[in-house]
Amino acid sequence: MNVILADYIYLLGDVLVMGIILALSLIISVWIINRTTVELHLWKELRRKNLAVGLFLAGLVIAMALIVK
């Protein structure tokens, strides 16, 4: 029973670390994209319900999740 509990704690630690890495990588990648696309403001376009920008950011999230995995 203790072995199973230790495995769950180890798995929880892995999930938390990967979640933090994913969040940091998303923040950095969106920051880089904002700096390189000066004329396109991602957050303003998202507020204006721009579907193309939303799909782009969704693809970015999926790509980062696959890289971190």
Foldseek 3Di string as FASTA:
>chain_A
DVVVVVVVVVVVVVVVVLVVVLVVVLVVVVVVVCVVCVPDDLVVCVVVVPVVSVVVSVVVSVVSNVVSD
